[in-house]
């Protein structure tokens, strides 16, 4: 009976984690895609991966070290690109290669690199790794992000439409862009346990890209994208349980299939073909 209740609690936490991760990555993914921050999102995902790998190697809490790496990367990429007058893509490409190199060095230094379930969880995700504290933080991040996006929707919308035009209208775009980058870092760090470092980027890109295939109205897109994110996470989770394969890989696979279907059925593309 005790094992049954333990399994049920793990299942509940994993399911709630899927919902919150899908909502957050779907929500922030719209801004990542529309603001052309995909390279930053990619780099942030792998900075958290490197940080978690360091935690495993040191025997420390991977979540704390992942957050440290994410916070550093988030605070470094934007300002460094602005001050050095180097394209953001250049900075993020350098950060990505550095983080991936560090991640595999740290995992190699782990005393149980070939056996540790913790190592596998960092790479591919694990449904048993989520804690109640992780879920509480994911919920808090979602509430804060939703509130700030609601309060500053006009500014965010202007930046998504055209950042240069928004700046010409007197909007200081940097705080809003840095906010999205920082929130992505937090979400990546707290979602790492569920999806894994290598595949987490798929959730920042696929749901938003799928929603953009169907709709033009950004208010509707910002609702549809999290819904697709939740569907991807829950479907991937159930697929993982059914076939006993890594949950992160299943979530990434489902989100990619949904994107492929959205492209095939996109009313936007049908209109373009008719023209």
C-alpha atoms as a PDB file:
ATOM      1  CA  UNK A   1       0.000   0.000   0.000  1.00  0.00           C
ATOM      2  CA  UNK A   2       2.833   2.377   0.894  1.00  0.00           C
ATOM      3  CA  UNK A   3       4.482   1.760  -2.487  1.00  0.00           C
ATOM      4  CA  UNK A   4       1.174   2.427  -4.236  1.00  0.00           C
ATOM      5  CA  UNK A   5       0.712   5.754  -2.487  1.00  0.00           C
ATOM      6  CA  UNK A   6       4.357   6.686  -3.156  1.00  0.00           C
ATOM      7  CA  UNK A   7       3.909   5.916  -6.858  1.00  0.00           C
ATOM      8  CA  UNK A   8       0.685   7.906  -6.912  1.00  0.00           C
ATOM      9  CA  UNK A   9       2.424  10.930  -5.318  1.00  0.00           C
ATOM     10  CA  UNK A  10       5.244  10.722  -7.853  1.00  0.00           C
ATOM     11  CA  UNK A  11       2.700  10.503 -10.680  1.00  0.00           C
ATOM     12  CA  UNK A  12       0.821  13.532  -9.344  1.00  0.00           C
ATOM     13  CA  UNK A  13       3.975  15.646  -9.050  1.00  0.00           C
ATOM     14  CA  UNK A  14       5.099  14.644 -12.537  1.00  0.00           C
ATOM     15  CA  UNK A  15       1.689  15.482 -14.016  1.00  0.00           C
ATOM     16  CA  UNK A  16       1.578  18.886 -12.305  1.00  0.00           C
ATOM     17  CA  UNK A  17       5.167  19.482 -13.393  1.00  0.00           C
ATOM     18  CA  UNK A  18       4.174  18.714 -16.996  1.00  0.00           C
ATOM     19  CA  UNK A  19       1.332  21.236 -16.814  1.00  0.00           C
ATOM     20  CA  UNK A  20       3.430  24.015 -15.278  1.00  0.00           C
ATOM     21  CA  UNK A  21       6.423  23.396 -17.549  1.00  0.00           C
ATOM     22  CA  UNK A  22       4.175  23.371 -20.617  1.00  0.00           C
ATOM     23  CA  UNK A  23       2.464  26.595 -19.573  1.00  0.00           C
ATOM     24  CA  UNK A  24       5.704  28.420 -18.868  1.00  0.00           C
ATOM     25  CA  UNK A  25       7.711  27.289 -21.874  1.00  0.00           C
ATOM     26  CA  UNK A  26       4.715  27.882 -24.136  1.00  0.00           C
ATOM     27  CA  UNK A  27       4.190  31.374 -22.732  1.00  0.00           C
ATOM     28  CA  UNK A  28       7.805  32.496 -22.817  1.00  0.00           C
ATOM     29  CA  UNK A  29       8.439  30.691 -26.087  1.00  0.00           C
ATOM     30  CA  UNK A  30       6.158  33.165 -27.882  1.00  0.00           C
ATOM     31  CA  UNK A  31       8.472  36.001 -26.855  1.00  0.00           C
ATOM     32  CA  UNK A  32      11.596  33.967 -27.604  1.00  0.00           C
ATOM     33  CA  UNK A  33      10.382  33.280 -31.151  1.00  0.00           C
ATOM     34  CA  UNK A  34       8.795  36.652 -31.917  1.00  0.00           C
ATOM     35  CA  UNK A  35      11.682  38.686 -30.440  1.00  0.00           C
ATOM     36  CA  UNK A  36      14.113  36.501 -32.391  1.00  0.00           C
ATOM     37  CA  UNK A  37      15.743  35.303 -29.184  1.00  0.00           C
ATOM     38  CA  UNK A  38      15.862  31.678 -30.249  1.00  0.00           C
ATOM     39  CA  UNK A  39      19.652  31.600 -30.048  1.00  0.00           C
ATOM     40  CA  UNK A  40      19.458  33.030 -26.519  1.00  0.00           C
ATOM     41  CA  UNK A  41      16.873  30.433 -25.517  1.00  0.00           C
ATOM     42  CA  UNK A  42      19.104  27.702 -26.907  1.00  0.00           C
ATOM     43  CA  UNK A  43      22.100  29.009 -24.989  1.00  0.00           C
ATOM     44  CA  UNK A  44      20.100  29.405 -21.760  1.00  0.00           C
ATOM     45  CA  UNK A  45      18.884  25.816 -21.926  1.00  0.00           C
ATOM     46  CA  UNK A  46      22.422  24.523 -22.215  1.00  0.00           C
ATOM     47  CA  UNK A  47      23.820  26.863 -19.562  1.00  0.00           C
ATOM     48  CA  UNK A  48      21.378  25.295 -17.082  1.00  0.00           C
ATOM     49  CA  UNK A  49      22.476  21.893 -18.345  1.00  0.00           C
ATOM     50  CA  UNK A  50      26.120  22.777 -17.650  1.00  0.00           C
ATOM     51  CA  UNK A  51      25.232  24.086 -14.203  1.00  0.00           C
ATOM     52  CA  UNK A  52      23.293  20.948 -13.301  1.00  0.00           C
ATOM     53  CA  UNK A  53      26.193  18.813 -14.539  1.00  0.00           C
ATOM     54  CA  UNK A  54      28.520  20.744 -12.225  1.00  0.00           C
ATOM     55  CA  UNK A  55      26.183  20.050  -9.317  1.00  0.00           C
ATOM     56  CA  UNK A  56      26.255  16.320 -10.090  1.00  0.00           C
ATOM     57  CA  UNK A  57      30.059  16.323 -10.290  1.00  0.00           C
ATOM     58  CA  UNK A  58      30.408  18.173  -6.973  1.00  0.00           C
ATOM     59  CA  UNK A  59      27.706  16.223  -5.193  1.00  0.00           C
ATOM     60  CA  UNK A  60      25.760  19.465  -4.748  1.00  0.00           C
ATOM     61  CA  UNK A  61      22.126  20.274  -5.544  1.00  0.00           C
ATOM     62  CA  UNK A  62      21.970  20.370  -9.390  1.00  0.00           C
ATOM     63  CA  UNK A  63      19.076  22.839  -9.247  1.00  0.00           C
ATOM     64  CA  UNK A  64      21.114  25.434  -7.365  1.00  0.00           C
ATOM     65  CA  UNK A  65      24.109  25.182  -9.685  1.00  0.00           C
ATOM     66  CA  UNK A  66      21.804  25.205 -12.737  1.00  0.00           C
ATOM     67  CA  UNK A  67      20.201  28.416 -11.478  1.00  0.00           C
ATOM     68  CA  UNK A  68      23.632  29.958 -10.892  1.00  0.00           C
ATOM     69  CA  UNK A  69      24.742  29.187 -14.443  1.00  0.00           C
ATOM     70  CA  UNK A  70      21.431  30.372 -15.888  1.00  0.00           C
ATOM     71  CA  UNK A  71      21.507  33.610 -13.903  1.00  0.00           C
ATOM     72  CA  UNK A  72      25.081  34.305 -14.982  1.00  0.00           C
ATOM     73  CA  UNK A  73      24.324  33.603 -18.639  1.00  0.00           C
ATOM     74  CA  UNK A  74      21.150  35.702 -18.524  1.00  0.00           C
ATOM     75  CA  UNK A  75      22.966  38.644 -16.956  1.00  0.00           C
ATOM     76  CA  UNK A  76      25.897  38.318 -19.352  1.00  0.00           C
ATOM     77  CA  UNK A  77      24.508  37.756 -22.861  1.00  0.00           C
ATOM     78  CA  UNK A  78      22.388  40.875 -23.362  1.00  0.00           C
ATOM     79  CA  UNK A  79      24.665  43.471 -21.726  1.00  0.00           C
ATOM     80  CA  UNK A  80      27.772  41.949 -23.282  1.00  0.00           C
ATOM     81  CA  UNK A  81      26.285  42.131 -26.761  1.00  0.00           C
ATOM     82  CA  UNK A  82      25.138  45.723 -26.219  1.00  0.00           C
ATOM     83  CA  UNK A  83      28.411  47.012 -24.762  1.00  0.00           C
ATOM     84  CA  UNK A  84      30.728  45.155 -27.134  1.00  0.00           C
ATOM     85  CA  UNK A  85      28.478  45.951 -30.113  1.00  0.00           C
ATOM     86  CA  UNK A  86      28.663  42.322 -31.157  1.00  0.00           C
ATOM     87  CA  UNK A  87      25.613  40.577 -32.634  1.00  0.00           C
ATOM     88  CA  UNK A  88      23.705  38.625 -29.997  1.00  0.00           C
ATOM     89  CA  UNK A  89      23.938  35.489 -32.158  1.00  0.00           C
ATOM     90  CA  UNK A  90      27.728  35.653 -31.920  1.00  0.00           C
ATOM     91  CA  UNK A  91      27.666  35.910 -28.122  1.00  0.00           C
ATOM     92  CA  UNK A  92      25.109  33.117 -27.770  1.00  0.00           C
ATOM     93  CA  UNK A  93      27.024  30.831 -30.130  1.00  0.00           C
ATOM     94  CA  UNK A  94      30.149  31.256 -28.025  1.00  0.00           C
ATOM     95  CA  UNK A  95      28.156  30.727 -24.806  1.00  0.00           C
ATOM     96  CA  UNK A  96      26.496  27.618 -26.238  1.00  0.00           C
ATOM     97  CA  UNK A  97      29.766  25.931 -27.234  1.00  0.00           C
ATOM     98  CA  UNK A  98      31.338  26.858 -23.885  1.00  0.00           C
ATOM     99  CA  UNK A  99      28.381  25.537 -21.861  1.00  0.00           C
ATOM    100  CA  UNK A 100      28.202  22.262 -23.788  1.00  0.00           C
ATOM    101  CA  UNK A 101      31.941  21.727 -23.364  1.00  0.00           C
ATOM    102  CA  UNK A 102      31.704  22.422 -19.632  1.00  0.00           C
ATOM    103  CA  UNK A 103      28.630  20.188 -19.261  1.00  0.00           C
ATOM    104  CA  UNK A 104      30.341  17.113 -20.675  1.00  0.00           C
ATOM    105  CA  UNK A 105      33.560  17.830 -18.780  1.00  0.00           C
ATOM    106  CA  UNK A 106      31.570  18.056 -15.520  1.00  0.00           C
ATOM    107  CA  UNK A 107      29.643  14.858 -16.295  1.00  0.00           C
ATOM    108  CA  UNK A 108      32.904  13.078 -17.089  1.00  0.00           C
ATOM    109  CA  UNK A 109      34.266  14.170 -13.702  1.00  0.00           C
ATOM    110  CA  UNK A 110      31.212  12.719 -11.958  1.00  0.00           C
ATOM    111  CA  UNK A 111      32.303   9.628  -9.977  1.00  0.00           C
ATOM    112  CA  UNK A 112      29.327   7.615 -11.270  1.00  0.00           C
ATOM    113  CA  UNK A 113      29.007   9.038 -14.762  1.00  0.00           C
ATOM    114  CA  UNK A 114      28.146   5.654 -16.296  1.00  0.00           C
ATOM    115  CA  UNK A 115      25.651   4.530 -13.648  1.00  0.00           C
ATOM    116  CA  UNK A 116      24.138   7.479 -11.905  1.00  0.00           C
ATOM    117  CA  UNK A 117      20.417   8.018 -12.460  1.00  0.00           C
ATOM    118  CA  UNK A 118      21.070  11.642 -11.477  1.00  0.00           C
ATOM    119  CA  UNK A 119      23.356  12.045 -14.483  1.00  0.00           C
ATOM    120  CA  UNK A 120      20.728  10.510 -16.770  1.00  0.00           C
ATOM    121  CA  UNK A 121      18.109  12.821 -15.274  1.00  0.00           C
ATOM    122  CA  UNK A 122      20.207  15.877 -16.061  1.00  0.00           C
ATOM    123  CA  UNK A 123      20.579  14.785 -19.682  1.00  0.00           C
ATOM    124  CA  UNK A 124      17.171  13.276 -20.501  1.00  0.00           C
ATOM    125  CA  UNK A 125      14.883  14.255 -17.625  1.00  0.00           C
ATOM    126  CA  UNK A 126      13.312  12.101 -14.917  1.00  0.00           C
ATOM    127  CA  UNK A 127       9.754  11.967 -13.603  1.00  0.00           C
ATOM    128  CA  UNK A 128      10.898  10.963 -10.119  1.00  0.00           C
ATOM    129  CA  UNK A 129      13.251  13.933  -9.716  1.00  0.00           C
ATOM    130  CA  UNK A 130      10.564  16.621  -9.301  1.00  0.00           C
ATOM    131  CA  UNK A 131       9.850  17.773  -5.763  1.00  0.00           C
ATOM    132  CA  UNK A 132       6.973  19.731  -4.267  1.00  0.00           C
ATOM    133  CA  UNK A 133       9.343  22.696  -3.920  1.00  0.00           C
ATOM    134  CA  UNK A 134      10.096  22.584  -7.652  1.00  0.00           C
ATOM    135  CA  UNK A 135       6.383  22.683  -8.438  1.00  0.00           C
ATOM    136  CA  UNK A 136       5.841  25.579  -6.033  1.00  0.00           C
ATOM    137  CA  UNK A 137       8.601  27.592  -7.697  1.00  0.00           C
ATOM    138  CA  UNK A 138       7.307  26.799 -11.187  1.00  0.00           C
ATOM    139  CA  UNK A 139       3.850  27.985 -10.147  1.00  0.00           C
ATOM    140  CA  UNK A 140       5.274  31.160  -8.612  1.00  0.00           C
ATOM    141  CA  UNK A 141       7.308  31.919 -11.747  1.00  0.00           C
ATOM    142  CA  UNK A 142       4.219  31.409 -13.910  1.00  0.00           C
ATOM    143  CA  UNK A 143       2.145  33.794 -11.788  1.00  0.00           C
ATOM    144  CA  UNK A 144       4.860  36.480 -11.772  1.00  0.00           C
ATOM    145  CA  UNK A 145       5.510  36.168 -15.516  1.00  0.00           C
ATOM    146  CA  UNK A 146       1.786  36.251 -16.355  1.00  0.00           C
ATOM    147  CA  UNK A 147       1.187  39.296 -14.160  1.00  0.00           C
ATOM    148  CA  UNK A 148       4.083  41.311 -15.566  1.00  0.00           C
ATOM    149  CA  UNK A 149       3.216  40.398 -19.154  1.00  0.00           C
ATOM    150  CA  UNK A 150      -0.378  41.477 -18.500  1.00  0.00           C
ATOM    151  CA  UNK A 151       0.694  44.781 -16.915  1.00  0.00           C
ATOM    152  CA  UNK A 152       3.204  45.635 -19.650  1.00  0.00           C
ATOM    153  CA  UNK A 153       1.464  43.996 -22.600  1.00  0.00           C
ATOM    154  CA  UNK A 154       1.598  47.127 -24.783  1.00  0.00           C
ATOM    155  CA  UNK A 155       5.358  47.371 -24.394  1.00  0.00           C
ATOM    156  CA  UNK A 156       5.915  43.659 -24.985  1.00  0.00           C
ATOM    157  CA  UNK A 157       3.615  43.688 -28.008  1.00  0.00           C
ATOM    158  CA  UNK A 158       5.440  46.680 -29.527  1.00  0.00           C
ATOM    159  CA  UNK A 159       8.804  44.965 -29.043  1.00  0.00           C
ATOM    160  CA  UNK A 160       7.540  41.710 -30.567  1.00  0.00           C
ATOM    161  CA  UNK A 161       6.186  43.610 -33.553  1.00  0.00           C
ATOM    162  CA  UNK A 162       9.354  45.624 -34.192  1.00  0.00           C
ATOM    163  CA  UNK A 163      11.977  46.403 -31.559  1.00  0.00           C
ATOM    164  CA  UNK A 164      13.487  49.326 -33.468  1.00  0.00           C
ATOM    165  CA  UNK A 165      10.088  50.903 -33.983  1.00  0.00           C
ATOM    166  CA  UNK A 166       9.320  50.427 -30.299  1.00  0.00           C
ATOM    167  CA  UNK A 167      12.551  52.229 -29.413  1.00  0.00           C
ATOM    168  CA  UNK A 168      11.656  55.007 -31.849  1.00  0.00           C
ATOM    169  CA  UNK A 169       8.363  55.381 -29.954  1.00  0.00           C
ATOM    170  CA  UNK A 170      10.300  55.980 -26.738  1.00  0.00           C
ATOM    171  CA  UNK A 171      10.144  52.503 -25.205  1.00  0.00           C
ATOM    172  CA  UNK A 172      13.282  51.407 -23.373  1.00  0.00           C
ATOM    173  CA  UNK A 173      13.339  47.866 -24.755  1.00  0.00           C
ATOM    174  CA  UNK A 174      16.327  46.525 -22.832  1.00  0.00           C
ATOM    175  CA  UNK A 175      14.593  45.868 -19.474  1.00  0.00           C
ATOM    176  CA  UNK A 176      11.818  43.934 -21.227  1.00  0.00           C
ATOM    177  CA  UNK A 177      14.206  41.848 -23.314  1.00  0.00           C
ATOM    178  CA  UNK A 178      16.427  41.175 -20.288  1.00  0.00           C
ATOM    179  CA  UNK A 179      13.337  40.199 -18.287  1.00  0.00           C
ATOM    180  CA  UNK A 180      12.369  37.571 -20.860  1.00  0.00           C
ATOM    181  CA  UNK A 181      15.929  36.228 -20.963  1.00  0.00           C
ATOM    182  CA  UNK A 182      16.087  36.046 -17.161  1.00  0.00           C
ATOM    183  CA  UNK A 183      12.678  34.342 -16.903  1.00  0.00           C
ATOM    184  CA  UNK A 184      13.738  31.832 -19.542  1.00  0.00           C
ATOM    185  CA  UNK A 185      16.788  31.069 -17.408  1.00  0.00           C
ATOM    186  CA  UNK A 186      14.631  30.424 -14.340  1.00  0.00           C
ATOM    187  CA  UNK A 187      12.155  28.261 -16.227  1.00  0.00           C
ATOM    188  CA  UNK A 188      14.959  26.258 -17.799  1.00  0.00           C
ATOM    189  CA  UNK A 189      16.582  25.636 -14.407  1.00  0.00           C
ATOM    190  CA  UNK A 190      13.363  24.440 -12.775  1.00  0.00           C
ATOM    191  CA  UNK A 191      12.226  22.399 -15.797  1.00  0.00           C
ATOM    192  CA  UNK A 192      15.573  20.668 -16.223  1.00  0.00           C
ATOM    193  CA  UNK A 193      14.572  17.757 -13.979  1.00  0.00           C
ATOM    194  CA  UNK A 194      11.529  16.924 -16.079  1.00  0.00           C
ATOM    195  CA  UNK A 195      12.758  17.429 -19.637  1.00  0.00           C
ATOM    196  CA  UNK A 196      16.554  17.270 -19.369  1.00  0.00           C
ATOM    197  CA  UNK A 197      19.165  19.746 -20.541  1.00  0.00           C
ATOM    198  CA  UNK A 198      19.721  18.557 -24.093  1.00  0.00           C
ATOM    199  CA  UNK A 199      16.058  18.544 -25.154  1.00  0.00           C
ATOM    200  CA  UNK A 200      14.549  21.410 -23.162  1.00  0.00           C
ATOM    201  CA  UNK A 201      15.061  23.877 -26.002  1.00  0.00           C
ATOM    202  CA  UNK A 202      12.388  22.034 -28.021  1.00  0.00           C
ATOM    203  CA  UNK A 203       9.733  23.225 -25.554  1.00  0.00           C
ATOM    204  CA  UNK A 204      10.846  26.834 -25.856  1.00  0.00           C
ATOM    205  CA  UNK A 205      10.497  26.760 -29.625  1.00  0.00           C
ATOM    206  CA  UNK A 206       8.031  24.135 -30.869  1.00  0.00           C
ATOM    207  CA  UNK A 207       4.763  25.109 -29.097  1.00  0.00           C
ATOM    208  CA  UNK A 208       5.104  28.799 -29.966  1.00  0.00           C
ATOM    209  CA  UNK A 209       6.090  28.003 -33.560  1.00  0.00           C
ATOM    210  CA  UNK A 210       3.084  25.676 -33.836  1.00  0.00           C
ATOM    211  CA  UNK A 211       0.686  28.340 -32.540  1.00  0.00           C
ATOM    212  CA  UNK A 212       2.105  30.888 -34.975  1.00  0.00           C
ATOM    213  CA  UNK A 213       1.190  28.585 -37.877  1.00  0.00           C
ATOM    214  CA  UNK A 214      -2.530  28.979 -37.125  1.00  0.00           C
ATOM    215  CA  UNK A 215      -3.095  32.476 -35.748  1.00  0.00           C
ATOM    216  CA  UNK A 216      -2.229  36.119 -36.382  1.00  0.00           C
ATOM    217  CA  UNK A 217      -3.647  37.648 -33.197  1.00  0.00           C
ATOM    218  CA  UNK A 218      -0.861  37.732 -30.589  1.00  0.00           C
ATOM    219  CA  UNK A 219      -3.339  37.627 -27.694  1.00  0.00           C
ATOM    220  CA  UNK A 220      -4.709  34.353 -29.032  1.00  0.00           C
ATOM    221  CA  UNK A 221      -1.248  33.019 -29.797  1.00  0.00           C
ATOM    222  CA  UNK A 222      -0.085  33.709 -26.261  1.00  0.00           C
ATOM    223  CA  UNK A 223      -2.979  31.538 -25.021  1.00  0.00           C
ATOM    224  CA  UNK A 224      -2.703  28.754 -27.613  1.00  0.00           C
ATOM    225  CA  UNK A 225       1.058  28.283 -27.248  1.00  0.00           C
ATOM    226  CA  UNK A 226       0.936  27.323 -23.529  1.00  0.00           C
ATOM    227  CA  UNK A 227      -1.958  24.965 -24.299  1.00  0.00           C
ATOM    228  CA  UNK A 228       0.174  23.234 -26.933  1.00  0.00           C
ATOM    229  CA  UNK A 229       3.048  23.167 -24.439  1.00  0.00           C
ATOM    230  CA  UNK A 230       0.859  21.408 -21.863  1.00  0.00           C
ATOM    231  CA  UNK A 231      -0.416  18.903 -24.447  1.00  0.00           C
ATOM    232  CA  UNK A 232       3.181  18.173 -25.512  1.00  0.00           C
ATOM    233  CA  UNK A 233       4.357  17.628 -21.940  1.00  0.00           C
ATOM    234  CA  UNK A 234       1.441  15.457 -20.801  1.00  0.00           C
ATOM    235  CA  UNK A 235       1.448  13.373 -24.004  1.00  0.00           C
ATOM    236  CA  UNK A 236       5.211  12.901 -23.767  1.00  0.00           C
ATOM    237  CA  UNK A 237       4.907  11.956 -20.112  1.00  0.00           C
ATOM    238  CA  UNK A 238       2.258   9.299 -20.843  1.00  0.00           C
ATOM    239  CA  UNK A 239       4.294   8.025 -23.794  1.00  0.00           C
ATOM    240  CA  UNK A 240       7.308   7.728 -21.514  1.00  0.00           C
ATOM    241  CA  UNK A 241       5.333   5.681 -18.995  1.00  0.00           C
ATOM    242  CA  UNK A 242       3.921   3.426 -21.714  1.00  0.00           C
ATOM    243  CA  UNK A 243       7.195   2.545 -23.450  1.00  0.00           C
ATOM    244  CA  UNK A 244       9.611   3.097 -20.528  1.00  0.00           C
ATOM    245  CA  UNK A 245      11.807   5.597 -22.373  1.00  0.00           C
ATOM    246  CA  UNK A 246      13.203   8.963 -21.179  1.00  0.00           C
ATOM    247  CA  UNK A 247      10.460  11.492 -20.541  1.00  0.00           C
ATOM    248  CA  UNK A 248      12.413  14.415 -22.002  1.00  0.00           C
ATOM    249  CA  UNK A 249      12.922  12.626 -25.302  1.00  0.00           C
ATOM    250  CA  UNK A 250       9.204  11.785 -25.508  1.00  0.00           C
ATOM    251  CA  UNK A 251       8.165  15.382 -24.778  1.00  0.00           C
ATOM    252  CA  UNK A 252      10.540  16.725 -27.423  1.00  0.00           C
ATOM    253  CA  UNK A 253       9.305  14.110 -29.914  1.00  0.00           C
ATOM    254  CA  UNK A 254       5.626  14.929 -29.336  1.00  0.00           C
ATOM    255  CA  UNK A 255       6.208  18.685 -29.557  1.00  0.00           C
ATOM    256  CA  UNK A 256       8.069  18.182 -32.853  1.00  0.00           C
ATOM    257  CA  UNK A 257       5.259  16.029 -34.265  1.00  0.00           C
ATOM    258  CA  UNK A 258       2.714  18.687 -33.279  1.00  0.00           C
ATOM    259  CA  UNK A 259       4.825  21.320 -35.028  1.00  0.00           C
ATOM    260  CA  UNK A 260       5.040  19.178 -38.182  1.00  0.00           C
ATOM    261  CA  UNK A 261       1.259  18.705 -38.159  1.00  0.00           C
ATOM    262  CA  UNK A 262       0.710  22.441 -37.631  1.00  0.00           C
ATOM    263  CA  UNK A 263       2.875  23.219 -40.651  1.00  0.00           C
ATOM    264  CA  UNK A 264       0.972  20.704 -42.769  1.00  0.00           C
ATOM    265  CA  UNK A 265      -2.433  22.055 -41.704  1.00  0.00           C
ATOM    266  CA  UNK A 266      -1.507  25.735 -41.411  1.00  0.00           C
ATOM    267  CA  UNK A 267      -4.198  27.990 -42.912  1.00  0.00           C
ATOM    268  CA  UNK A 268      -1.519  30.649 -43.358  1.00  0.00           C
ATOM    269  CA  UNK A 269       0.481  28.413 -45.692  1.00  0.00           C
ATOM    270  CA  UNK A 270      -2.624  27.412 -47.639  1.00  0.00           C
ATOM    271  CA  UNK A 271      -3.349  31.087 -48.273  1.00  0.00           C
ATOM    272  CA  UNK A 272       0.233  31.629 -49.448  1.00  0.00           C
ATOM    273  CA  UNK A 273      -0.046  28.686 -51.854  1.00  0.00           C
ATOM    274  CA  UNK A 274      -3.297  30.056 -53.296  1.00  0.00           C
ATOM    275  CA  UNK A 275      -1.647  33.415 -53.932  1.00  0.00           C
END
